[in-house]
């Protein structure tokens, strides 16, 4: 999907063109919720644990998934198994039509 028209709800002014979607707009609801909690907790995973009622390793895994969904690689090196799993998730997203081929290529490059 591509955004081609923006309209003001108050004055009905419209602008047409080809607009780039932001990375955050493409996040699924679960990752978006995690991001919001992460930001409210000022990046402290211990706070995210408490807020979401999840373990620290689960919070860290969700953060890694968020980074990968945004096309970023965690600074900590991923194991071969984690890379393969992340690559498969990108390919699955592409197959389901959730991301474009360009976005998939960017995410796959970020995993290397």
N, C-alpha and C. Protein backbone atom coordinates (compact mmCIF):
# COMPACT_ATOMS: atom_id res chain seq x y z
N UNK A 1 0.84 -1.18 0.00
CA UNK A 1 0.00 0.00 0.00
C UNK A 1 0.88 1.24 0.00
N UNK A 2 0.41 2.25 -0.68
CA UNK A 2 1.14 3.50 -0.71
C UNK A 2 0.17 4.63 -0.44
N UNK A 3 0.57 5.55 0.41
CA UNK A 3 -0.24 6.72 0.73
C UNK A 3 -0.10 7.70 -0.43
N UNK A 4 -1.25 8.13 -1.00
CA UNK A 4 -1.18 9.08 -2.11
C UNK A 4 -1.98 10.36 -1.83
N UNK A 5 -2.73 10.38 -0.72
CA UNK A 5 -3.52 11.57 -0.43
C UNK A 5 -3.59 11.77 1.08
N UNK A 6 -3.33 13.02 1.51
CA UNK A 6 -3.47 13.40 2.91
C UNK A 6 -4.54 14.48 2.98
N UNK A 7 -5.45 14.36 3.96
CA UNK A 7 -6.55 15.31 4.09
C UNK A 7 -6.66 15.77 5.54
N UNK A 8 -6.84 17.06 5.72
CA UNK A 8 -7.05 17.64 7.05
C UNK A 8 -8.50 17.40 7.46
N UNK A 9 -8.71 16.83 8.64
CA UNK A 9 -10.07 16.55 9.11
C UNK A 9 -10.84 17.82 9.45
N UNK A 10 -10.15 18.89 9.77
CA UNK A 10 -10.83 20.11 10.18
C UNK A 10 -11.22 21.00 9.01
N UNK A 11 -10.30 21.22 8.06
CA UNK A 11 -10.60 22.16 6.98
C UNK A 11 -10.78 21.48 5.62
N UNK A 12 -10.60 20.17 5.56
CA UNK A 12 -10.76 19.37 4.34
C UNK A 12 -9.73 19.69 3.25
N UNK A 13 -8.64 20.38 3.61
CA UNK A 13 -7.57 20.61 2.65
C UNK A 13 -6.89 19.29 2.35
N UNK A 14 -6.61 19.06 1.07
CA UNK A 14 -5.97 17.80 0.67
C UNK A 14 -4.67 18.07 -0.06
N UNK A 15 -3.75 17.14 0.10
CA UNK A 15 -2.48 17.17 -0.61
C UNK A 15 -2.33 15.80 -1.25
N UNK A 16 -2.07 15.77 -2.54
CA UNK A 16 -1.89 14.49 -3.23
C UNK A 16 -0.47 14.35 -3.71
N UNK A 17 0.01 13.13 -3.72
CA UNK A 17 1.37 12.82 -4.14
C UNK A 17 1.70 11.40 -3.72
N UNK A 18 2.94 11.06 -3.73
CA UNK A 18 3.39 9.75 -3.27
C UNK A 18 4.19 9.98 -1.99
N UNK A 19 3.62 9.51 -0.86
CA UNK A 19 4.22 9.76 0.43
C UNK A 19 4.83 8.47 0.99
N UNK A 20 5.98 8.62 1.59
CA UNK A 20 6.68 7.50 2.20
C UNK A 20 6.04 7.16 3.54
N UNK A 21 5.72 5.88 3.76
CA UNK A 21 5.23 5.46 5.07
C UNK A 21 6.39 5.47 6.07
N UNK A 22 6.10 5.81 7.29
CA UNK A 22 7.16 5.76 8.30
C UNK A 22 7.33 4.32 8.78
N UNK A 23 8.49 4.01 9.29
CA UNK A 23 8.77 2.66 9.78
C UNK A 23 7.78 2.24 10.85
N UNK A 24 7.44 3.16 11.74
CA UNK A 24 6.60 2.84 12.88
C UNK A 24 5.16 2.53 12.47
N UNK A 25 4.72 3.09 11.37
CA UNK A 25 3.37 2.83 10.88
C UNK A 25 3.19 1.40 10.41
N UNK A 26 4.29 0.72 10.12
CA UNK A 26 4.23 -0.64 9.61
C UNK A 26 4.30 -1.70 10.70
N UNK A 27 4.45 -1.29 11.96
CA UNK A 27 4.53 -2.24 13.07
C UNK A 27 3.17 -2.85 13.35
N UNK A 28 3.17 -4.14 13.71
CA UNK A 28 1.89 -4.75 14.10
C UNK A 28 1.52 -4.24 15.50
N UNK A 29 0.29 -4.50 15.92
CA UNK A 29 -0.23 -3.95 17.17
C UNK A 29 0.61 -4.36 18.38
N UNK A 30 1.07 -5.60 18.41
CA UNK A 30 1.85 -6.09 19.55
C UNK A 30 3.18 -5.36 19.68
N UNK A 31 3.88 -5.19 18.56
CA UNK A 31 5.16 -4.48 18.61
C UNK A 31 4.97 -3.00 18.90
N UNK A 32 3.90 -2.42 18.39
CA UNK A 32 3.63 -1.01 18.67
C UNK A 32 3.35 -0.81 20.15
N UNK A 33 2.58 -1.73 20.75
CA UNK A 33 2.32 -1.64 22.19
C UNK A 33 3.62 -1.78 22.97
N UNK A 34 4.47 -2.73 22.56
CA UNK A 34 5.76 -2.90 23.24
C UNK A 34 6.59 -1.62 23.15
N UNK A 35 6.63 -1.02 21.96
CA UNK A 35 7.39 0.22 21.78
C UNK A 35 6.88 1.32 22.70
N UNK A 36 5.56 1.46 22.80
CA UNK A 36 4.98 2.49 23.65
C UNK A 36 5.36 2.27 25.12
N UNK A 37 5.27 1.02 25.57
CA UNK A 37 5.64 0.70 26.96
C UNK A 37 7.13 0.94 27.17
N UNK A 38 7.95 0.51 26.21
CA UNK A 38 9.39 0.69 26.29
C UNK A 38 9.74 2.17 26.43
N UNK A 39 9.08 3.01 25.65
CA UNK A 39 9.34 4.45 25.72
C UNK A 39 8.87 5.04 27.05
N UNK A 40 7.68 4.62 27.51
CA UNK A 40 7.18 5.11 28.80
C UNK A 40 8.11 4.71 29.95
N UNK A 41 8.75 3.55 29.80
CA UNK A 41 9.70 3.07 30.82
C UNK A 41 11.10 3.60 30.58
N UNK A 42 11.23 4.55 29.67
CA UNK A 42 12.50 5.21 29.35
C UNK A 42 13.60 4.22 28.98
N UNK A 43 13.20 3.17 28.27
CA UNK A 43 14.18 2.21 27.77
C UNK A 43 14.66 1.20 28.79
N UNK A 44 14.05 1.15 29.93
CA UNK A 44 14.46 0.21 30.98
C UNK A 44 13.64 -1.08 30.85
N UNK A 45 14.31 -2.16 30.45
CA UNK A 45 13.59 -3.42 30.26
C UNK A 45 13.00 -3.94 31.56
N UNK A 46 13.59 -3.61 32.70
CA UNK A 46 13.02 -4.05 33.97
C UNK A 46 11.63 -3.43 34.18
N UNK A 47 11.47 -2.19 33.74
CA UNK A 47 10.15 -1.55 33.81
C UNK A 47 9.17 -2.17 32.84
N UNK A 48 9.66 -2.54 31.66
CA UNK A 48 8.82 -3.19 30.66
C UNK A 48 8.32 -4.53 31.20
N UNK A 49 9.22 -5.26 31.87
CA UNK A 49 8.85 -6.54 32.49
C UNK A 49 7.64 -6.36 33.40
N UNK A 50 7.76 -5.38 34.29
CA UNK A 50 6.70 -5.15 35.28
C UNK A 50 5.41 -4.70 34.61
N UNK A 51 5.54 -3.78 33.67
CA UNK A 51 4.36 -3.21 33.00
C UNK A 51 3.59 -4.27 32.21
N UNK A 52 4.32 -5.13 31.50
CA UNK A 52 3.67 -6.13 30.66
C UNK A 52 3.51 -7.49 31.34
N UNK A 53 4.12 -7.65 32.51
CA UNK A 53 4.03 -8.93 33.22
C UNK A 53 4.75 -10.05 32.49
N UNK A 54 5.92 -9.73 31.94
CA UNK A 54 6.71 -10.73 31.20
C UNK A 54 8.10 -10.83 31.82
N UNK A 55 8.80 -11.90 31.48
CA UNK A 55 10.15 -12.08 32.01
C UNK A 55 11.13 -11.17 31.28
N UNK A 56 12.30 -10.98 31.88
CA UNK A 56 13.33 -10.17 31.25
C UNK A 56 13.75 -10.73 29.90
N UNK A 57 14.01 -12.07 29.79
CA UNK A 57 14.38 -12.61 28.47
C UNK A 57 13.29 -12.39 27.42
N UNK A 58 12.03 -12.46 27.81
CA UNK A 58 10.94 -12.21 26.87
C UNK A 58 10.94 -10.74 26.44
N UNK A 59 11.16 -9.84 27.39
CA UNK A 59 11.23 -8.41 27.06
C UNK A 59 12.38 -8.15 26.09
N UNK A 60 13.53 -8.77 26.36
CA UNK A 60 14.70 -8.58 25.48
C UNK A 60 14.42 -9.14 24.09
N UNK A 61 13.75 -10.30 24.01
CA UNK A 61 13.41 -10.89 22.71
C UNK A 61 12.44 -10.01 21.95
N UNK A 62 11.49 -9.41 22.66
CA UNK A 62 10.54 -8.51 22.00
C UNK A 62 11.25 -7.25 21.49
N UNK A 63 12.22 -6.78 22.25
CA UNK A 63 12.99 -5.62 21.80
C UNK A 63 13.78 -5.97 20.55
N UNK A 64 14.38 -7.15 20.52
CA UNK A 64 15.10 -7.60 19.32
C UNK A 64 14.15 -7.70 18.13
N UNK A 65 12.94 -8.24 18.36
CA UNK A 65 11.95 -8.36 17.29
C UNK A 65 11.53 -6.98 16.79
N UNK A 66 11.40 -6.03 17.70
CA UNK A 66 11.05 -4.66 17.33
C UNK A 66 12.15 -4.05 16.47
N UNK A 67 13.39 -4.21 16.88
CA UNK A 67 14.51 -3.68 16.10
C UNK A 67 14.54 -4.29 14.71
N UNK A 68 14.35 -5.59 14.62
CA UNK A 68 14.36 -6.26 13.31
C UNK A 68 13.20 -5.78 12.44
N UNK A 69 12.02 -5.58 13.05
CA UNK A 69 10.86 -5.10 12.29
C UNK A 69 11.12 -3.70 11.75
N UNK A 70 11.95 -2.93 12.45
CA UNK A 70 12.30 -1.58 12.00
C UNK A 70 13.51 -1.58 11.07
N UNK A 71 14.01 -2.78 10.77
CA UNK A 71 15.14 -2.89 9.85
C UNK A 71 16.47 -2.62 10.51
N UNK A 72 16.53 -2.76 11.81
CA UNK A 72 17.78 -2.53 12.56
C UNK A 72 18.24 -3.85 13.15
N UNK A 73 19.53 -3.95 13.37
CA UNK A 73 20.06 -5.14 14.03
C UNK A 73 20.47 -4.75 15.44
N UNK A 74 20.14 -5.61 16.40
CA UNK A 74 20.62 -5.34 17.75
C UNK A 74 22.15 -5.28 17.75
N UNK A 75 22.73 -4.49 18.61
CA UNK A 75 24.18 -4.38 18.66
C UNK A 75 24.80 -5.72 19.03
N UNK A 76 24.16 -6.43 19.94
CA UNK A 76 24.65 -7.76 20.30
C UNK A 76 24.50 -8.66 19.08
N UNK A 77 25.52 -9.42 18.76
CA UNK A 77 25.51 -10.28 17.59
C UNK A 77 24.48 -11.38 17.76
N UNK A 78 23.69 -11.61 16.72
CA UNK A 78 22.70 -12.68 16.73
C UNK A 78 23.38 -14.01 16.42
N UNK A 79 22.86 -15.07 17.03
CA UNK A 79 23.37 -16.40 16.70
C UNK A 79 22.87 -16.79 15.31
N UNK A 80 23.48 -17.80 14.73
CA UNK A 80 23.05 -18.26 13.40
C UNK A 80 21.58 -18.66 13.40
N UNK A 81 21.14 -19.31 14.48
CA UNK A 81 19.73 -19.72 14.58
C UNK A 81 18.80 -18.52 14.64
N UNK A 82 19.20 -17.47 15.38
CA UNK A 82 18.37 -16.27 15.48
C UNK A 82 18.31 -15.55 14.14
N UNK A 83 19.44 -15.51 13.43
CA UNK A 83 19.46 -14.87 12.12
C UNK A 83 18.55 -15.62 11.16
N UNK A 84 18.65 -16.95 11.15
CA UNK A 84 17.81 -17.76 10.26
C UNK A 84 16.34 -17.55 10.58
N UNK A 85 16.01 -17.49 11.86
CA UNK A 85 14.62 -17.28 12.28
C UNK A 85 14.13 -15.90 11.84
N UNK A 86 14.96 -14.90 12.03
CA UNK A 86 14.59 -13.54 11.63
C UNK A 86 14.45 -13.43 10.11
N UNK A 87 15.34 -14.09 9.37
CA UNK A 87 15.24 -14.08 7.91
C UNK A 87 13.93 -14.72 7.47
N UNK A 88 13.57 -15.83 8.10
CA UNK A 88 12.33 -16.51 7.74
C UNK A 88 11.12 -15.63 8.04
N UNK A 89 11.16 -14.90 9.14
CA UNK A 89 10.05 -14.00 9.48
C UNK A 89 9.91 -12.90 8.43
N UNK A 90 11.03 -12.36 7.96
CA UNK A 90 10.99 -11.34 6.91
C UNK A 90 10.37 -11.92 5.64
N UNK A 91 10.80 -13.12 5.28
CA UNK A 91 10.26 -13.75 4.07
C UNK A 91 8.76 -14.05 4.23
N UNK A 92 8.35 -14.45 5.43
CA UNK A 92 6.93 -14.69 5.69
C UNK A 92 6.12 -13.40 5.56
N UNK A 93 6.68 -12.29 6.08
CA UNK A 93 5.99 -11.00 5.97
C UNK A 93 5.84 -10.60 4.51
N UNK A 94 6.88 -10.85 3.73
CA UNK A 94 6.84 -10.54 2.30
C UNK A 94 5.78 -11.37 1.61
N UNK A 95 5.74 -12.65 1.92
CA UNK A 95 4.77 -13.55 1.30
C UNK A 95 3.33 -13.16 1.65
N UNK A 96 3.12 -12.70 2.88
CA UNK A 96 1.78 -12.29 3.30
C UNK A 96 1.41 -10.90 2.77
N UNK A 97 2.36 -10.24 2.10
CA UNK A 97 2.10 -8.92 1.55
C UNK A 97 2.16 -7.81 2.58
N UNK A 98 2.74 -8.08 3.74
CA UNK A 98 2.82 -7.08 4.81
C UNK A 98 3.93 -6.06 4.56
N UNK A 99 4.93 -6.46 3.78
CA UNK A 99 6.03 -5.54 3.46
C UNK A 99 6.34 -5.65 1.98
N UNK A 100 6.96 -4.62 1.44
CA UNK A 100 7.34 -4.62 0.03
C UNK A 100 8.64 -5.39 -0.16
N UNK A 101 8.96 -5.68 -1.40
CA UNK A 101 10.22 -6.36 -1.71
C UNK A 101 11.41 -5.50 -1.28
N UNK A 102 11.30 -4.18 -1.46
CA UNK A 102 12.37 -3.28 -1.04
C UNK A 102 12.58 -3.32 0.46
N UNK A 103 11.46 -3.32 1.20
CA UNK A 103 11.54 -3.38 2.66
C UNK A 103 12.14 -4.71 3.11
N UNK A 104 11.74 -5.79 2.47
CA UNK A 104 12.29 -7.12 2.80
C UNK A 104 13.79 -7.15 2.54
N UNK A 105 14.20 -6.60 1.42
CA UNK A 105 15.63 -6.57 1.09
C UNK A 105 16.40 -5.77 2.13
N UNK A 106 15.86 -4.64 2.55
CA UNK A 106 16.52 -3.79 3.56
C UNK A 106 16.65 -4.55 4.88
N UNK A 107 15.57 -5.23 5.28
CA UNK A 107 15.61 -5.99 6.53
C UNK A 107 16.60 -7.14 6.45
N UNK A 108 16.63 -7.82 5.32
CA UNK A 108 17.55 -8.95 5.17
C UNK A 108 19.00 -8.46 5.17
N UNK A 109 19.26 -7.33 4.55
CA UNK A 109 20.63 -6.76 4.57
C UNK A 109 21.04 -6.40 6.00
N UNK A 110 20.09 -5.91 6.78
CA UNK A 110 20.38 -5.49 8.15
C UNK A 110 20.73 -6.70 9.03
N UNK A 111 20.29 -7.88 8.62
CA UNK A 111 20.56 -9.08 9.42
C UNK A 111 21.96 -9.63 9.19
N UNK A 112 22.65 -9.16 8.16
CA UNK A 112 23.97 -9.72 7.85
C UNK A 112 25.05 -9.12 8.69
